[in-house]
Amino acid sequence: MSLNKLNALLLLVVIVCAMSVVNSTHSARKLYNELEKEQRLARQLDVEYGQLTLEQSTWGAHALIEKTASARLQMLTPTQRQVHVITPEGER
């Protein structure tokens, strides 16, 4: 094999290696961007979960009050016939 052919082969190998480095760097950056997006989404979901947990505890407190009112004070929800809607005069 002549020196020129060897140099050409080595140049080709260097170019292929350089292209693979560029390709793998691009892939790594693309995957890192996707990771950041998913982490941002996870943080948003954590915030939403916290809000929903707070809302659930609020509704749970309401149910506890209603349960206590019916058990201890024997309070009942009025029937539709027992409810009277009063409007200010002049309004219908």
N, C-alpha and C. Protein backbone atom coordinates (compact mmCIF):
# COMPACT_ATOMS: atom_id res chain seq x y z
N MET A 1 0.85 -1.16 0.00
CA MET A 1 0.00 0.00 0.00
C MET A 1 0.91 1.24 0.00
N SER A 2 0.57 2.15 -0.86
CA SER A 2 1.42 3.33 -0.95
C SER A 2 1.06 4.32 0.17
N LEU A 3 1.93 5.27 0.38
CA LEU A 3 1.77 6.25 1.43
C LEU A 3 0.55 7.15 1.18
N ASN A 4 0.31 7.48 -0.08
CA ASN A 4 -0.85 8.32 -0.41
C ASN A 4 -2.15 7.60 -0.10
N LYS A 5 -2.23 6.31 -0.41
CA LYS A 5 -3.44 5.54 -0.12
C LYS A 5 -3.65 5.42 1.38
N LEU A 6 -2.56 5.21 2.11
CA LEU A 6 -2.66 5.12 3.57
C LEU A 6 -3.13 6.45 4.15
N ASN A 7 -2.59 7.55 3.67
CA ASN A 7 -3.02 8.87 4.14
C ASN A 7 -4.49 9.12 3.82
N ALA A 8 -4.93 8.73 2.65
CA ALA A 8 -6.33 8.91 2.26
C ALA A 8 -7.23 8.07 3.15
N LEU A 9 -6.82 6.84 3.44
CA LEU A 9 -7.60 5.97 4.32
C LEU A 9 -7.67 6.54 5.72
N LEU A 10 -6.55 7.02 6.24
CA LEU A 10 -6.54 7.62 7.57
C LEU A 10 -7.39 8.89 7.61
N LEU A 11 -7.35 9.69 6.55
CA LEU A 11 -8.19 10.89 6.47
C LEU A 11 -9.67 10.51 6.49
N LEU A 12 -10.00 9.46 5.77
CA LEU A 12 -11.39 8.99 5.74
C LEU A 12 -11.82 8.51 7.13
N VAL A 13 -10.96 7.79 7.83
CA VAL A 13 -11.27 7.32 9.18
C VAL A 13 -11.44 8.51 10.13
N VAL A 14 -10.59 9.51 10.02
CA VAL A 14 -10.70 10.70 10.87
C VAL A 14 -12.00 11.43 10.59
N ILE A 15 -12.39 11.54 9.32
CA ILE A 15 -13.65 12.22 8.98
C ILE A 15 -14.84 11.45 9.53
N VAL A 16 -14.83 10.14 9.40
CA VAL A 16 -15.92 9.31 9.93
C VAL A 16 -16.00 9.46 11.45
N CYS A 17 -14.86 9.45 12.13
CA CYS A 17 -14.85 9.62 13.59
C CYS A 17 -15.37 11.00 13.97
N ALA A 18 -14.97 12.03 13.24
CA ALA A 18 -15.43 13.39 13.54
C ALA A 18 -16.95 13.49 13.35
N MET A 19 -17.46 12.88 12.30
CA MET A 19 -18.90 12.91 12.05
C MET A 19 -19.67 12.17 13.15
N SER A 20 -19.10 11.07 13.62
CA SER A 20 -19.78 10.34 14.69
C SER A 20 -19.77 11.13 15.99
N VAL A 21 -18.69 11.89 16.25
CA VAL A 21 -18.63 12.74 17.43
C VAL A 21 -19.69 13.84 17.33
N VAL A 22 -19.80 14.45 16.16
CA VAL A 22 -20.80 15.49 15.95
C VAL A 22 -22.21 14.92 16.14
N ASN A 23 -22.44 13.75 15.58
CA ASN A 23 -23.76 13.11 15.68
C ASN A 23 -24.09 12.77 17.14
N SER A 24 -23.14 12.21 17.87
CA SER A 24 -23.41 11.83 19.26
C SER A 24 -23.59 13.08 20.14
N THR A 25 -22.86 14.16 19.86
CA THR A 25 -23.03 15.41 20.61
C THR A 25 -24.41 15.99 20.36
N HIS A 26 -24.84 15.97 19.11
CA HIS A 26 -26.18 16.46 18.78
C HIS A 26 -27.25 15.64 19.49
N SER A 27 -27.09 14.32 19.47
CA SER A 27 -28.07 13.45 20.14
C SER A 27 -28.10 13.71 21.64
N ALA A 28 -26.93 13.90 22.24
CA ALA A 28 -26.86 14.15 23.68
C ALA A 28 -27.55 15.47 24.03
N ARG A 29 -27.35 16.49 23.23
CA ARG A 29 -28.00 17.78 23.49
C ARG A 29 -29.51 17.67 23.31
N LYS A 30 -29.92 16.95 22.31
CA LYS A 30 -31.36 16.75 22.07
C LYS A 30 -32.00 16.01 23.25
N LEU A 31 -31.35 14.96 23.72
CA LEU A 31 -31.87 14.20 24.86
C LEU A 31 -31.87 15.05 26.14
N TYR A 32 -30.86 15.89 26.30
CA TYR A 32 -30.81 16.76 27.48
C TYR A 32 -31.96 17.76 27.47
N ASN A 33 -32.27 18.31 26.29
CA ASN A 33 -33.41 19.22 26.18
C ASN A 33 -34.71 18.51 26.52
N GLU A 34 -34.88 17.28 26.06
CA GLU A 34 -36.07 16.50 26.39
C GLU A 34 -36.14 16.23 27.89
N LEU A 35 -35.00 15.94 28.50
CA LEU A 35 -34.95 15.71 29.95
C LEU A 35 -35.39 16.96 30.70
N GLU A 36 -34.91 18.13 30.28
CA GLU A 36 -35.31 19.37 30.94
C GLU A 36 -36.81 19.62 30.80
N LYS A 37 -37.37 19.33 29.62
CA LYS A 37 -38.81 19.48 29.42
C LYS A 37 -39.59 18.58 30.38
N GLU A 38 -39.16 17.34 30.49
CA GLU A 38 -39.85 16.39 31.36
C GLU A 38 -39.72 16.78 32.83
N GLN A 39 -38.55 17.30 33.22
CA GLN A 39 -38.38 17.75 34.60
C GLN A 39 -39.26 18.97 34.88
N ARG A 40 -39.39 19.86 33.90
CA ARG A 40 -40.27 21.02 34.06
C ARG A 40 -41.72 20.56 34.22
N LEU A 41 -42.12 19.58 33.40
CA LEU A 41 -43.47 19.03 33.50
C LEU A 41 -43.68 18.36 34.86
N ALA A 42 -42.66 17.65 35.35
CA ALA A 42 -42.77 16.99 36.65
C ALA A 42 -42.95 18.02 37.76
N ARG A 43 -42.24 19.15 37.67
CA ARG A 43 -42.42 20.21 38.68
C ARG A 43 -43.82 20.79 38.62
N GLN A 44 -44.33 21.00 37.42
CA GLN A 44 -45.70 21.52 37.27
C GLN A 44 -46.71 20.53 37.85
N LEU A 45 -46.49 19.25 37.59
CA LEU A 45 -47.40 18.24 38.12
C LEU A 45 -47.32 18.17 39.64
N ASP A 46 -46.14 18.37 40.21
CA ASP A 46 -45.99 18.41 41.67
C ASP A 46 -46.79 19.56 42.26
N VAL A 47 -46.72 20.73 41.61
CA VAL A 47 -47.49 21.89 42.08
C VAL A 47 -48.98 21.60 42.00
N GLU A 48 -49.42 21.03 40.88
CA GLU A 48 -50.84 20.70 40.72
C GLU A 48 -51.27 19.66 41.74
N TYR A 49 -50.42 18.69 42.02
CA TYR A 49 -50.74 17.67 43.02
C TYR A 49 -50.91 18.32 44.39
N GLY A 50 -50.03 19.25 44.73
CA GLY A 50 -50.14 19.96 46.01
C GLY A 50 -51.45 20.73 46.10
N GLN A 51 -51.82 21.40 45.00
CA GLN A 51 -53.07 22.14 44.99
C GLN A 51 -54.27 21.20 45.14
N LEU A 52 -54.22 20.07 44.45
CA LEU A 52 -55.33 19.11 44.55
C LEU A 52 -55.40 18.48 45.94
N THR A 53 -54.26 18.25 46.56
CA THR A 53 -54.25 17.71 47.91
C THR A 53 -54.87 18.71 48.89
N LEU A 54 -54.53 19.97 48.70
CA LEU A 54 -55.12 21.02 49.55
C LEU A 54 -56.63 21.10 49.33
N GLU A 55 -57.05 21.03 48.09
CA GLU A 55 -58.48 21.06 47.79
C GLU A 55 -59.19 19.85 48.40
N GLN A 56 -58.55 18.70 48.31
CA GLN A 56 -59.15 17.49 48.87
C GLN A 56 -59.29 17.62 50.38
N SER A 57 -58.30 18.18 51.03
CA SER A 57 -58.41 18.34 52.49
C SER A 57 -59.51 19.34 52.84
N THR A 58 -59.69 20.35 51.99
CA THR A 58 -60.76 21.31 52.22
C THR A 58 -62.12 20.63 52.10
N TRP A 59 -62.30 19.83 51.06
CA TRP A 59 -63.56 19.11 50.90
C TRP A 59 -63.74 18.07 52.00
N GLY A 60 -62.65 17.49 52.43
CA GLY A 60 -62.72 16.53 53.52
C GLY A 60 -63.19 17.19 54.81
N ALA A 61 -62.74 18.41 55.05
CA ALA A 61 -63.18 19.14 56.23
C ALA A 61 -64.67 19.43 56.15
N HIS A 62 -65.16 19.78 54.96
CA HIS A 62 -66.59 20.04 54.78
C HIS A 62 -67.40 18.78 55.08
N ALA A 63 -66.92 17.65 54.57
CA ALA A 63 -67.63 16.38 54.81
C ALA A 63 -67.60 16.04 56.31
N LEU A 64 -66.51 16.33 56.97
CA LEU A 64 -66.40 16.07 58.41
C LEU A 64 -67.39 16.94 59.19
N ILE A 65 -67.51 18.20 58.80
CA ILE A 65 -68.47 19.11 59.46
C ILE A 65 -69.89 18.60 59.26
N GLU A 66 -70.19 18.20 58.02
CA GLU A 66 -71.54 17.70 57.74
C GLU A 66 -71.83 16.42 58.53
N LYS A 67 -70.84 15.54 58.61
CA LYS A 67 -71.01 14.29 59.35
C LYS A 67 -71.22 14.58 60.84
N THR A 68 -70.43 15.51 61.39
CA THR A 68 -70.56 15.87 62.80
C THR A 68 -71.91 16.50 63.07
N ALA A 69 -72.35 17.38 62.15
CA ALA A 69 -73.65 18.04 62.33
C ALA A 69 -74.78 17.03 62.35
N SER A 70 -74.72 16.03 61.50
CA SER A 70 -75.80 15.06 61.48
C SER A 70 -75.70 14.07 62.64
N ALA A 71 -74.49 13.70 63.06
CA ALA A 71 -74.34 12.70 64.12
C ALA A 71 -74.57 13.32 65.51
N ARG A 72 -73.87 14.41 65.82
CA ARG A 72 -73.96 14.99 67.17
C ARG A 72 -75.21 15.85 67.36
N LEU A 73 -75.54 16.64 66.34
CA LEU A 73 -76.62 17.61 66.50
C LEU A 73 -77.93 17.15 65.86
N GLN A 74 -77.93 15.96 65.30
CA GLN A 74 -79.10 15.40 64.61
C GLN A 74 -79.66 16.37 63.55
N MET A 75 -78.77 17.08 62.88
CA MET A 75 -79.20 17.99 61.82
C MET A 75 -79.38 17.20 60.53
N LEU A 76 -80.37 17.55 59.76
CA LEU A 76 -80.64 16.88 58.50
C LEU A 76 -80.69 17.91 57.38
N THR A 77 -80.40 17.48 56.19
CA THR A 77 -80.53 18.35 55.02
C THR A 77 -82.01 18.54 54.75
N PRO A 78 -82.46 19.78 54.58
CA PRO A 78 -83.89 20.01 54.36
C PRO A 78 -84.33 19.48 53.00
N THR A 79 -85.59 19.09 52.94
CA THR A 79 -86.15 18.65 51.66
C THR A 79 -86.43 19.87 50.81
N GLN A 80 -86.73 19.65 49.57
CA GLN A 80 -86.98 20.76 48.66
C GLN A 80 -88.24 21.54 49.09
N ARG A 81 -89.21 20.86 49.67
CA ARG A 81 -90.43 21.53 50.13
C ARG A 81 -90.17 22.41 51.35
N GLN A 82 -89.11 22.09 52.10
CA GLN A 82 -88.80 22.86 53.30
C GLN A 82 -87.94 24.10 53.00
N VAL A 83 -87.43 24.22 51.79
CA VAL A 83 -86.58 25.34 51.43
C VAL A 83 -87.44 26.45 50.82
N HIS A 84 -87.30 27.67 51.35
CA HIS A 84 -88.04 28.82 50.83
C HIS A 84 -87.02 29.85 50.36
N VAL A 85 -87.15 30.26 49.11
CA VAL A 85 -86.24 31.25 48.54
C VAL A 85 -86.89 32.62 48.69
N ILE A 86 -86.18 33.55 49.29
CA ILE A 86 -86.68 34.89 49.52
C ILE A 86 -85.88 35.84 48.65
N THR A 87 -86.57 36.63 47.84
CA THR A 87 -85.90 37.60 46.99
C THR A 87 -86.28 39.00 47.45
N PRO A 88 -85.43 39.98 47.22
CA PRO A 88 -85.77 41.36 47.57
C PRO A 88 -86.99 41.84 46.79
N GLU A 89 -87.73 42.76 47.34
CA GLU A 89 -88.94 43.25 46.67
C GLU A 89 -88.57 43.93 45.36
N GLY A 90 -89.42 43.75 44.38
CA GLY A 90 -89.19 44.34 43.07
C GLY A 90 -88.44 43.41 42.13
N GLU A 91 -87.83 42.39 42.64
CA GLU A 91 -87.13 41.43 41.78
C GLU A 91 -87.96 40.19 41.63
N ARG A 92 -87.85 39.56 40.52
CA ARG A 92 -88.60 38.32 40.28
C ARG A 92 -87.67 37.23 39.85
